[in-house]
Protein backbone atom coordinates (compact mmCIF):
# COMPACT_ATOMS: atom_id res chain seq x y z
CA UNK A 1 0.00 0.00 0.00
CA UNK A 2 1.35 3.43 -0.95
CA UNK A 3 2.35 5.80 1.84
CA UNK A 4 0.14 8.57 0.44
CA UNK A 5 -2.85 8.76 -1.86
CA UNK A 6 -1.19 11.51 -3.92
CA UNK A 7 1.77 13.85 -3.45
CA UNK A 8 1.53 17.39 -4.75
CA UNK A 9 4.97 18.75 -5.70
CA UNK A 10 4.93 22.45 -4.83
CA UNK A 11 7.83 23.33 -7.08
CA UNK A 12 9.07 23.29 -10.66
CA UNK A 13 12.09 22.41 -12.81
CA UNK A 14 14.62 19.71 -12.07
CA UNK A 15 13.69 19.21 -8.42
CA UNK A 16 10.04 18.65 -9.31
CA UNK A 17 11.09 16.02 -11.86
CA UNK A 18 13.39 14.45 -9.25
CA UNK A 19 10.61 14.12 -6.67
CA UNK A 20 8.13 12.77 -9.23
CA UNK A 21 10.52 9.99 -10.19
CA UNK A 22 10.99 8.72 -6.63
CA UNK A 23 7.23 8.85 -6.06
CA UNK A 24 6.73 6.85 -9.25
CA UNK A 25 9.17 4.20 -8.01
CA UNK A 26 7.25 4.01 -4.73
CA UNK A 27 3.88 3.73 -6.49
CA UNK A 28 2.67 7.12 -5.30
CA UNK A 29 0.73 9.22 -7.86
CA UNK A 30 1.96 12.78 -8.23
CA UNK A 31 0.44 16.18 -8.97
CA UNK A 32 2.52 18.90 -10.61
CA UNK A 33 1.69 22.57 -10.35
CA UNK A 34 2.54 25.10 -13.01
CA UNK A 35 2.38 28.78 -13.77
CA UNK A 36 1.39 30.11 -17.17
CA UNK A 37 5.09 30.30 -18.06
CA UNK A 38 5.51 26.58 -17.31
CA UNK A 39 2.45 25.15 -19.06
CA UNK A 40 4.66 23.08 -21.38
CA UNK A 41 7.42 22.35 -18.85
CA UNK A 42 8.98 18.93 -18.37
CA UNK A 43 7.85 18.51 -14.76
CA UNK A 44 4.25 18.98 -15.91
CA UNK A 45 4.60 16.20 -18.47
CA UNK A 46 6.27 13.77 -16.06
CA UNK A 47 3.71 13.99 -13.24
CA UNK A 48 0.52 11.94 -13.28
CA UNK A 49 -1.60 15.08 -13.36
CA UNK A 50 -1.06 18.82 -13.22
CA UNK A 51 -2.89 21.87 -11.89
CA UNK A 52 -2.49 25.47 -13.04
CA UNK A 53 -1.81 27.84 -10.14
CA UNK A 54 -1.50 31.31 -11.65
CA UNK A 55 0.50 33.73 -13.78
CA UNK A 56 4.23 33.61 -14.42
CA UNK A 57 5.12 35.87 -11.50
CA UNK A 58 6.21 33.62 -8.63
CA UNK A 59 4.38 35.68 -6.01
CA UNK A 60 1.11 34.78 -7.72
CA UNK A 61 1.91 31.14 -8.38
CA UNK A 62 4.76 29.16 -6.79
CA UNK A 63 4.88 31.51 -3.79
CA UNK A 64 1.11 31.64 -3.31
CA UNK A 65 0.21 29.45 -0.33
CA UNK A 66 -3.50 29.77 -1.07
CA UNK A 67 -3.06 28.65 -4.68
CA UNK A 68 -0.98 25.64 -3.67
CA UNK A 69 -3.36 24.50 -0.92
CA UNK A 70 -6.28 24.90 -3.31
CA UNK A 71 -4.45 22.82 -5.94
CA UNK A 72 -3.83 20.07 -3.38
CA UNK A 73 -7.48 19.99 -2.38
CA UNK A 74 -8.77 20.03 -5.96
CA UNK A 75 -6.47 17.20 -7.00
CA UNK A 76 -7.14 15.02 -3.96
CA UNK A 77 -3.52 15.08 -2.79
CA UNK A 78 -2.93 14.24 0.85
CA UNK A 79 0.76 15.27 1.02
CA UNK A 80 2.80 18.22 -0.22
CA UNK A 81 6.52 18.11 -1.01
CA UNK A 82 8.02 21.62 -1.21
CA UNK A 83 11.30 20.74 -2.95
CA UNK A 84 13.80 23.53 -2.33
CA UNK A 85 13.60 27.26 -2.86
CA UNK A 86 10.23 29.02 -3.09
CA UNK A 87 8.25 28.12 0.08
CA UNK A 88 10.35 25.16 1.19
CA UNK A 89 11.72 26.90 4.31
CA UNK A 90 8.67 28.97 5.19
CA UNK A 91 7.13 27.90 8.47
CA UNK A 92 3.86 29.50 7.44
CA UNK A 93 3.58 27.15 4.47
CA UNK A 94 4.25 24.07 6.60
CA UNK A 95 1.60 25.30 9.03
CA UNK A 96 -0.92 25.94 6.24
CA UNK A 97 -0.41 22.45 4.83
CA UNK A 98 -0.95 20.96 8.30
CA UNK A 99 -4.00 23.12 8.97
CA UNK A 100 -5.52 21.95 5.68
CA UNK A 101 -5.34 18.37 6.95
CA UNK A 102 -2.45 17.46 4.66
CA UNK A 103 1.04 16.11 5.34
CA UNK A 104 4.01 18.42 4.82
CA UNK A 105 7.08 16.51 3.60
CA UNK A 106 9.62 18.32 5.74
CA UNK A 107 10.05 19.62 9.28
CA UNK A 108 7.18 21.38 11.08
CA UNK A 109 6.73 25.12 10.92
CA UNK A 110 8.28 25.88 14.29
CA UNK A 111 11.55 24.24 13.20
CA UNK A 112 11.65 26.39 10.06
CA UNK A 113 11.16 29.51 12.15
CA UNK A 114 13.67 28.44 14.79
CA UNK A 115 16.47 27.84 12.30
CA UNK A 116 15.44 30.53 9.79
CA UNK A 117 16.38 33.28 12.23
CA UNK A 118 20.19 33.37 12.18
CA UNK A 119 20.36 35.27 15.46
CA UNK A 120 18.22 32.73 17.29
CA UNK A 121 19.90 29.79 15.55
CA UNK A 122 23.34 31.03 16.53
CA UNK A 123 22.28 31.31 20.17
CA UNK A 124 20.69 27.85 20.09
CA UNK A 125 23.82 26.26 18.61
CA UNK A 126 26.13 27.90 21.12
CA UNK A 127 23.93 26.63 23.97
CA UNK A 128 24.07 23.12 22.48
CA UNK A 129 27.89 23.16 22.35
CA UNK A 130 28.10 23.42 18.56
CA UNK A 131 31.11 25.62 17.63
CA UNK A 132 30.15 29.12 16.47
CA UNK A 133 32.33 31.95 15.21
CA UNK A 134 33.05 34.86 17.56
CA UNK A 135 30.44 37.48 16.89
CA UNK A 136 27.14 39.06 17.88
CA UNK A 137 23.51 38.15 17.24
CA UNK A 138 21.71 39.99 20.00
CA UNK A 139 18.48 41.93 20.11
CA UNK A 140 20.08 45.38 20.33
CA UNK A 141 20.32 46.20 16.63
CA UNK A 142 21.32 49.85 16.90
CA UNK A 143 24.14 50.95 14.61
CA UNK A 144 26.16 51.98 17.67
CA UNK A 145 25.88 48.55 19.29
CA UNK A 146 26.69 46.72 16.06
CA UNK A 147 29.80 48.86 15.51
CA UNK A 148 30.96 48.24 19.09
CA UNK A 149 30.48 44.48 18.66
CA UNK A 150 32.37 44.53 15.35
CA UNK A 151 35.25 46.36 17.00
CA UNK A 152 35.27 43.77 19.79
CA UNK A 153 35.34 40.86 17.30
CA UNK A 154 38.14 42.50 15.31
CA UNK A 155 38.47 43.21 11.60
CA UNK A 156 37.56 41.80 9.18
CA UNK A 157 33.97 40.92 10.04
CA UNK A 158 31.08 39.48 8.06
CA UNK A 159 27.69 41.19 8.08
CA UNK A 160 24.83 38.71 7.58
CA UNK A 161 21.07 39.34 7.52
CA UNK A 162 19.43 37.44 10.36
CA UNK A 163 16.77 36.14 7.99
CA UNK A 164 17.06 34.89 4.45
CA UNK A 165 19.91 33.35 2.54
CA UNK A 166 21.43 33.01 -0.91
CA UNK A 167 24.17 35.49 -0.06
CA UNK A 168 21.82 38.48 -0.21
CA UNK A 169 22.92 41.25 2.10
CA UNK A 170 26.16 39.55 3.13
CA UNK A 171 29.16 41.87 3.18
CA UNK A 172 32.75 41.70 4.38
CA UNK A 173 33.98 44.77 6.27
CA UNK A 174 37.76 45.02 6.58
CA UNK A 175 38.19 48.48 8.09
CA UNK A 176 36.43 50.51 10.79
CA UNK A 177 35.85 53.43 8.44
CA UNK A 178 33.93 51.19 6.02
CA UNK A 179 31.54 49.81 8.62
CA UNK A 180 28.78 52.45 8.50
CA UNK A 181 28.25 52.48 4.71
CA UNK A 182 28.51 48.70 4.45
CA UNK A 183 26.03 48.21 7.29
CA UNK A 184 23.58 50.60 5.65
CA UNK A 185 23.90 48.74 2.35
CA UNK A 186 23.42 45.36 4.03
CA UNK A 187 20.32 46.62 5.82
CA UNK A 188 18.81 47.92 2.57
CA UNK A 189 19.40 44.61 0.81
CA UNK A 190 18.00 42.64 3.73
CA UNK A 191 14.84 44.78 3.95
CA UNK A 192 14.24 44.46 0.23
CA UNK A 193 14.85 40.71 0.09
CA UNK A 194 13.49 39.49 3.44
CA UNK A 195 11.48 42.34 4.98
CA UNK A 196 13.79 42.38 8.00
CA UNK A 197 17.06 44.29 8.42
CA UNK A 198 18.31 42.65 11.64
CA UNK A 199 21.96 41.67 11.29
CA UNK A 200 24.42 39.14 12.65
CA UNK A 201 28.11 40.00 12.96
CA UNK A 202 30.73 37.26 12.80
CA UNK A 203 34.49 37.12 12.49
CA UNK A 204 35.38 36.75 8.84
CA UNK A 205 37.46 33.67 8.09
CA UNK A 206 40.00 34.13 5.30
CA UNK A 207 40.01 31.42 2.61
CA UNK A 208 37.59 29.07 4.40
CA UNK A 209 36.12 25.91 3.00
CA UNK A 210 32.36 25.37 3.08
CA UNK A 211 31.39 21.92 4.33
CA UNK A 212 27.96 20.66 5.35
CA UNK A 213 26.51 17.62 7.06
CA UNK A 214 23.45 15.81 5.73
CA UNK A 215 21.21 14.86 8.65
CA UNK A 216 18.01 12.83 8.81
CA UNK A 217 15.74 12.46 11.81
CA UNK A 218 12.44 10.71 12.49
CA UNK A 219 9.55 11.46 14.81
CA UNK A 220 10.82 9.00 17.39
CA UNK A 221 13.90 11.16 18.03
CA UNK A 222 16.46 9.14 16.07
CA UNK A 223 18.98 11.41 14.33
CA UNK A 224 21.70 10.28 11.93
CA UNK A 225 24.40 11.97 9.88
CA UNK A 226 24.90 10.69 6.33
CA UNK A 227 28.35 12.21 5.89
CA UNK A 228 29.48 15.58 4.64
CA UNK A 229 29.64 17.51 1.38
CA UNK A 230 32.23 20.04 0.24
CA UNK A 231 30.60 23.12 -1.33
CA UNK A 232 33.54 25.52 -1.48
CA UNK A 233 33.45 26.33 -5.21
CA UNK A 234 31.06 29.28 -5.15
CA UNK A 235 30.31 32.52 -6.92
CA UNK A 236 28.83 35.32 -4.79
CA UNK A 237 27.94 32.84 -2.06
CA UNK A 238 26.09 30.64 -4.56
CA UNK A 239 27.37 27.08 -4.85
CA UNK A 240 28.57 25.94 -8.27
CA UNK A 241 30.42 22.63 -7.73
CA UNK A 242 29.88 20.25 -4.81
CA UNK A 243 31.36 16.89 -3.84
CA UNK A 244 31.22 14.13 -1.25
CA UNK A 245 33.20 13.41 0.78
CA UNK A 246 35.30 16.52 1.41
CA UNK A 247 38.92 16.03 0.34
CA UNK A 248 40.01 18.22 3.27
CA UNK A 249 38.89 16.09 6.22
CA UNK A 250 40.67 13.35 8.10
CA UNK A 251 38.56 10.51 9.53
CA UNK A 252 38.77 12.09 12.98
CA UNK A 253 37.68 15.51 11.67
CA UNK A 254 34.83 13.87 9.74
CA UNK A 255 33.56 12.11 12.85
CA UNK A 256 33.74 15.35 14.87
CA UNK A 257 31.95 17.34 12.18
CA UNK A 258 29.15 14.79 11.80
CA UNK A 259 28.66 14.66 15.56
CA UNK A 260 28.31 18.46 15.58
CA UNK A 261 25.76 18.20 12.77
CA UNK A 262 23.68 15.72 14.75
CA UNK A 263 23.96 17.87 17.89
CA UNK A 264 22.64 20.83 15.91
CA UNK A 265 19.70 18.79 14.58
CA UNK A 266 18.82 17.53 18.06
CA UNK A 267 18.97 21.06 19.48
CA UNK A 268 16.54 22.19 16.79
CA UNK A 269 14.19 19.23 17.47
CA UNK A 270 14.63 18.44 13.81
CA UNK A 271 12.48 15.98 11.87
CA UNK A 272 12.98 14.83 8.25
CA UNK A 273 16.03 15.59 6.05
CA UNK A 274 18.08 18.73 6.56
CA UNK A 275 21.58 20.14 6.26
CA UNK A 276 23.86 21.76 8.82
CA UNK A 277 26.43 24.03 7.18
CA UNK A 278 29.86 24.86 8.59
CA UNK A 279 32.87 26.98 7.72
CA UNK A 280 36.15 25.05 7.83
CA UNK A 281 39.13 27.27 8.60
CA UNK A 282 42.61 26.64 7.14
CA UNK A 283 43.75 25.40 10.57
CA UNK A 284 41.05 22.68 10.54
CA UNK A 285 38.68 24.30 13.00
CA UNK A 286 35.03 24.46 12.00
CA UNK A 287 32.14 26.72 13.00
CA UNK A 288 28.36 26.62 12.54
CA UNK A 289 27.13 28.66 9.58
CA UNK A 290 23.41 27.89 9.26
CA UNK A 291 20.89 25.08 8.95
CA UNK A 292 18.86 24.49 5.80
CA UNK A 293 15.51 23.02 6.75
CA UNK A 294 14.88 21.30 3.44
CA UNK A 295 16.41 19.09 0.79
CA UNK A 296 19.57 20.63 -0.67
CA UNK A 297 20.30 21.21 -4.36
CA UNK A 298 23.46 19.13 -3.92
CA UNK A 299 21.77 16.13 -2.26
CA UNK A 300 22.59 13.80 -5.23
CA UNK A 301 26.26 13.54 -4.24
CA UNK A 302 25.26 12.13 -0.86
CA UNK A 303 22.90 9.72 -2.60
CA UNK A 304 25.69 8.65 -4.94
CA UNK A 305 28.14 7.70 -2.18
CA UNK A 306 25.62 6.21 0.28
CA UNK A 307 23.10 4.61 -2.08
CA UNK A 308 20.28 6.23 -0.05
CA UNK A 309 17.36 7.91 -1.84
CA UNK A 310 16.85 11.00 0.31
CA UNK A 311 13.46 11.84 -1.21
CA UNK A 312 12.25 8.37 -0.29
CA UNK A 313 13.50 8.88 3.27
CA UNK A 314 11.67 12.21 3.40
CA UNK A 315 8.42 10.60 2.33
CA UNK A 316 8.73 7.69 4.76
CA UNK A 317 9.50 9.96 7.72
CA UNK A 318 6.64 12.30 6.76
CA UNK A 319 4.30 9.30 6.78
CA UNK A 320 5.33 8.55 10.36
CA UNK A 321 7.69 5.69 9.68
CA UNK A 322 11.00 5.40 11.54
CA UNK A 323 14.27 5.83 9.68
CA UNK A 324 14.77 2.68 7.59
CA UNK A 325 18.40 2.27 8.67
CA UNK A 326 20.69 2.71 11.66
CA UNK A 327 24.12 4.34 11.83
CA UNK A 328 25.94 1.09 11.13
CA UNK A 329 24.02 0.62 7.88
CA UNK A 330 25.30 3.91 6.39
CA UNK A 331 28.50 3.30 4.45
CA UNK A 332 30.10 5.92 2.22
CA UNK A 333 31.61 4.39 -0.91
CA UNK A 334 33.68 6.18 -3.51
CA UNK A 335 33.48 9.85 -4.44
CA UNK A 336 30.85 12.01 -6.17
CA UNK A 337 30.83 15.43 -7.84
CA UNK A 338 28.00 17.72 -8.88
CA UNK A 339 28.19 20.63 -11.31
CA UNK A 340 25.30 23.08 -11.55
CA UNK A 341 24.39 24.12 -15.08
CA UNK A 342 22.98 27.65 -15.10
CA UNK A 343 21.48 29.81 -17.83
CA UNK A 344 23.95 32.57 -17.01
CA UNK A 345 26.45 34.47 -19.11
CA UNK A 346 29.96 34.45 -17.55
CA UNK A 347 31.06 37.11 -20.02
CA UNK A 348 28.36 39.48 -18.72
CA UNK A 349 29.01 39.14 -15.00
CA UNK A 350 26.84 35.99 -14.77
CA UNK A 351 23.64 37.75 -15.79
CA UNK A 352 20.68 35.40 -16.43
CA UNK A 353 20.27 34.29 -20.03
CA UNK A 354 16.61 33.63 -20.84
CA UNK A 355 15.52 32.06 -24.11
CA UNK A 356 14.27 28.89 -25.77
CA UNK A 357 16.20 25.61 -25.64
CA UNK A 358 16.66 24.77 -29.33
CA UNK A 359 18.58 21.57 -28.71
CA UNK A 360 19.65 19.61 -25.67
CA UNK A 361 22.04 16.68 -25.35
CA UNK A 362 22.59 15.31 -21.85
CA UNK A 363 25.42 12.88 -21.11
CA UNK A 364 24.89 9.29 -20.04
CA UNK A 365 27.12 6.37 -19.09
CA UNK A 366 28.60 4.56 -16.10
CA UNK A 367 28.72 6.74 -13.01
CA UNK A 368 26.87 9.65 -14.66
CA UNK A 369 23.53 11.09 -13.49
CA UNK A 370 21.73 14.19 -14.76
CA UNK A 371 18.93 15.84 -12.79
CA UNK A 372 17.23 18.11 -15.31
CA UNK A 373 14.01 19.98 -15.86
CA UNK A 374 14.91 20.67 -19.48
CA UNK A 375 13.65 19.47 -22.82
CA UNK A 376 14.24 20.72 -26.33
CA UNK A 377 11.74 23.52 -26.77
CA UNK A 378 11.73 24.49 -23.08
CA UNK A 379 11.52 28.20 -22.32
CA UNK A 380 13.99 29.60 -19.82
CA UNK A 381 12.23 32.64 -18.40
CA UNK A 382 13.33 35.61 -16.33
CA UNK A 383 10.80 34.76 -13.64
CA UNK A 384 12.67 31.94 -11.89
CA UNK A 385 16.09 30.77 -10.77
CA UNK A 386 18.37 30.14 -13.80
CA UNK A 387 19.42 26.65 -12.62
CA UNK A 388 18.82 24.33 -15.58
CA UNK A 389 20.27 20.98 -14.57
CA UNK A 390 22.80 19.21 -12.37
CA UNK A 391 25.44 16.88 -13.76
CA UNK A 392 26.54 14.30 -11.18
CA UNK A 393 29.35 11.75 -11.46
CA UNK A 394 30.53 8.94 -9.20
CA UNK A 395 33.87 7.14 -9.13
CA UNK A 396 35.77 4.75 -6.87
CA UNK A 397 37.90 7.75 -5.89
CA UNK A 398 38.01 11.51 -6.51
CA UNK A 399 40.25 11.12 -9.54
CA UNK A 400 37.79 8.81 -11.33
CA UNK A 401 34.80 10.98 -10.39
CA UNK A 402 36.63 14.01 -11.82
CA UNK A 403 37.56 12.19 -15.02
CA UNK A 404 33.94 11.19 -15.50
CA UNK A 405 32.79 14.75 -14.84
CA UNK A 406 35.17 16.13 -17.44
CA UNK A 407 33.85 13.64 -19.96
CA UNK A 408 30.22 14.31 -19.03
CA UNK A 409 30.62 18.08 -19.40
CA UNK A 410 32.34 17.66 -22.77
CA UNK A 411 29.29 15.72 -23.94
CA UNK A 412 26.73 18.19 -22.58
CA UNK A 413 25.23 20.45 -25.26
CA UNK A 414 22.67 23.23 -24.78
CA UNK A 415 21.69 25.41 -27.73
CA UNK A 416 19.57 28.54 -27.49
CA UNK A 417 20.71 30.13 -24.22
CA UNK A 418 24.08 31.10 -22.84
CA UNK A 419 25.21 28.82 -20.02
CA UNK A 420 28.12 28.48 -17.60
CA UNK A 421 29.12 25.18 -19.22
CA UNK A 422 32.58 26.39 -20.34
CA UNK A 423 33.33 27.65 -16.84
CA UNK A 424 32.31 24.32 -15.32
CA UNK A 425 34.66 22.53 -17.71
CA UNK A 426 37.48 24.90 -16.81
CA UNK A 427 36.89 24.42 -13.07
CA UNK A 428 37.12 20.62 -13.09
CA UNK A 429 40.15 20.77 -15.39
CA UNK A 430 42.02 23.30 -13.23
CA UNK A 431 45.14 21.96 -11.43
CA UNK A 432 44.07 23.51 -8.11
CA UNK A 433 40.71 21.75 -8.30
CA UNK A 434 42.38 18.49 -9.20
CA UNK A 435 44.61 18.87 -6.14
CA UNK A 436 41.63 19.61 -3.89
CA UNK A 437 42.96 23.09 -3.06
CA UNK A 438 39.55 24.66 -2.58
CA UNK A 439 38.10 27.61 -0.69
CA UNK A 440 35.06 29.83 -1.07
CA UNK A 441 37.02 32.35 -3.15
CA UNK A 442 38.25 29.71 -5.62
CA UNK A 443 36.40 31.09 -8.66
CA UNK A 444 37.32 34.71 -7.98
CA UNK A 445 40.96 33.77 -7.39
CA UNK A 446 41.21 31.87 -10.68
CA UNK A 447 38.67 33.89 -12.66
CA UNK A 448 41.04 34.79 -15.50
CA UNK A 449 42.06 31.14 -15.97
CA UNK A 450 38.42 30.02 -15.80
CA UNK A 451 37.36 32.39 -18.59
CA UNK A 452 37.30 30.52 -21.88
CA UNK A 453 37.77 31.76 -25.44
CA UNK A 454 34.74 33.32 -27.17
CA UNK A 455 32.05 31.04 -28.54
CA UNK A 456 31.68 30.29 -32.25
CA UNK A 457 29.89 33.01 -34.24
CA UNK A 458 26.17 33.19 -33.39
CA UNK A 459 25.28 32.62 -37.04
CA UNK A 460 27.10 29.27 -37.03
CA UNK A 461 25.34 28.13 -33.88
CA UNK A 462 21.96 29.24 -35.25
CA UNK A 463 22.59 27.29 -38.45
CA UNK A 464 23.49 24.17 -36.47
CA UNK A 465 20.38 24.55 -34.31
CA UNK A 466 18.20 24.82 -37.39
CA UNK A 467 19.80 21.73 -38.92
CA UNK A 468 19.32 19.73 -35.75
CA UNK A 469 15.71 20.88 -35.51
CA UNK A 470 15.01 19.68 -39.06
CA UNK A 471 16.67 16.33 -38.36
CA UNK A 472 14.69 15.81 -35.15
CA UNK A 473 17.81 15.62 -32.99
CA UNK A 474 16.16 15.63 -29.56
CA UNK A 475 17.80 13.91 -26.65
CA UNK A 476 15.94 15.88 -24.02
CA UNK A 477 14.46 12.82 -22.32
CA UNK A 478 17.65 10.90 -21.81
CA UNK A 479 17.84 9.44 -25.30
CA UNK A 480 21.11 7.85 -26.31
CA UNK A 481 21.26 10.10 -29.35
CA UNK A 482 23.98 12.72 -28.93
CA UNK A 483 25.25 15.58 -31.03
CA UNK A 484 28.23 14.21 -32.98
CA UNK A 485 31.66 15.76 -32.61
CA UNK A 486 33.03 18.35 -33.08
CA UNK A 487 29.90 20.15 -31.90
CA UNK A 488 29.91 18.38 -28.56
CA UNK A 489 33.28 19.90 -27.72
CA UNK A 490 32.12 23.50 -28.15
CA UNK A 491 31.68 25.83 -25.19
CA UNK A 492 28.56 27.72 -24.08
CA UNK A 493 26.06 28.44 -26.85
CA UNK A 494 24.69 31.80 -27.85
CA UNK A 495 22.22 32.88 -30.51
CA UNK A 496 22.26 36.34 -32.01
CA UNK A 497 19.43 38.74 -31.26
CA UNK A 498 16.36 38.03 -33.27
CA UNK A 499 17.50 34.50 -34.14
């Protein structure tokens, strides 16, 4: 008997497709939701049924709690999976799902609120004995108090909005004379993005690594860590390349980090799957960064090394079942990498690149997985996050996983929008990456070396796209058909205006 009658996936794109596929394996019917911009999207086609929820603007569709609850009721769904992004970490959404008599596939609303406030979360972690950076997250938010606390911590410091994420409002202040203008700018960004300008001040760690622990917990109080992920390759605090395990940790450090992750989850009374993020200093010390109360974009690398389907675990825990394994059952095997493919233009400061996907060829083969919401003909709009797909590789060790990633990226082709594909190729081919010499400023430090030669002329790419369209070359659904060389070796694709 299926755990749920139907699961409504309150999301879009590759994560919606990902959730639908696990539900299908488990025999659970699924309901997709879609805005007017996504009427022909891949996640709509893959679900068992679909419900329109509003116009393209996210506030009136994917961020509308009323529209999503109404869609669940109309479709007969009895559970809602939020995916990540949008409403996935909003306690009010979890509460609304519960109040509607439905099951929310994630932690309850009070956990979202507890860990969504960085000031409160920092205090909770310190009380639980989880290492935190020297800093301030108190209630006195006057400019005078914040300056005094920054002076006490010592320069440089990091300013972080108490609410929100995604790097918005985060600023490094290196000198006392820069504090006032930087604080004002951080407050403006925080108010605009999150409706709250409360700030946290922490000591800034130079050249840190970003590591995180995947935790799972059931309603009976059992909490487990499923190992760590390294997420240091970032651009403006947005992750670009992730891997598991971290090449920086010794077995002893790994055990200590995972224990801290479980302590954080217990302190938060956590239920379901979540992630505890840490900064790893060059001297090996680590400090709590934040907790993400949802499935992470980079969860596939943990799945690759453990063999555990995290979406399945989420569904089972949400249905009231205990965790299906104990600590001794969790064995990490090999190494996995994930590269995020974005519709962004590296030559234009990573601006989003909307447009129509004229042709798509996704790699396949041993140790290669692609989580994608794309299909030939898909429209990449300005309304949503520009993440297109995730390319994941597994190998017996980091070297083999990297070799497979290089091959997979060489065989990835997207025509019609500009992507960061060339930069991804350059990252995994860089000697410092190969040596595991990573930190959160890796891309900025090597930006010149990671900038590839210009693409072929737009007219040539447009001609190729037209030829492929006439020949029916569509591998958008995982077909074995691939674009023959030399086209597969080209970098990011761009069409001229009006093409």
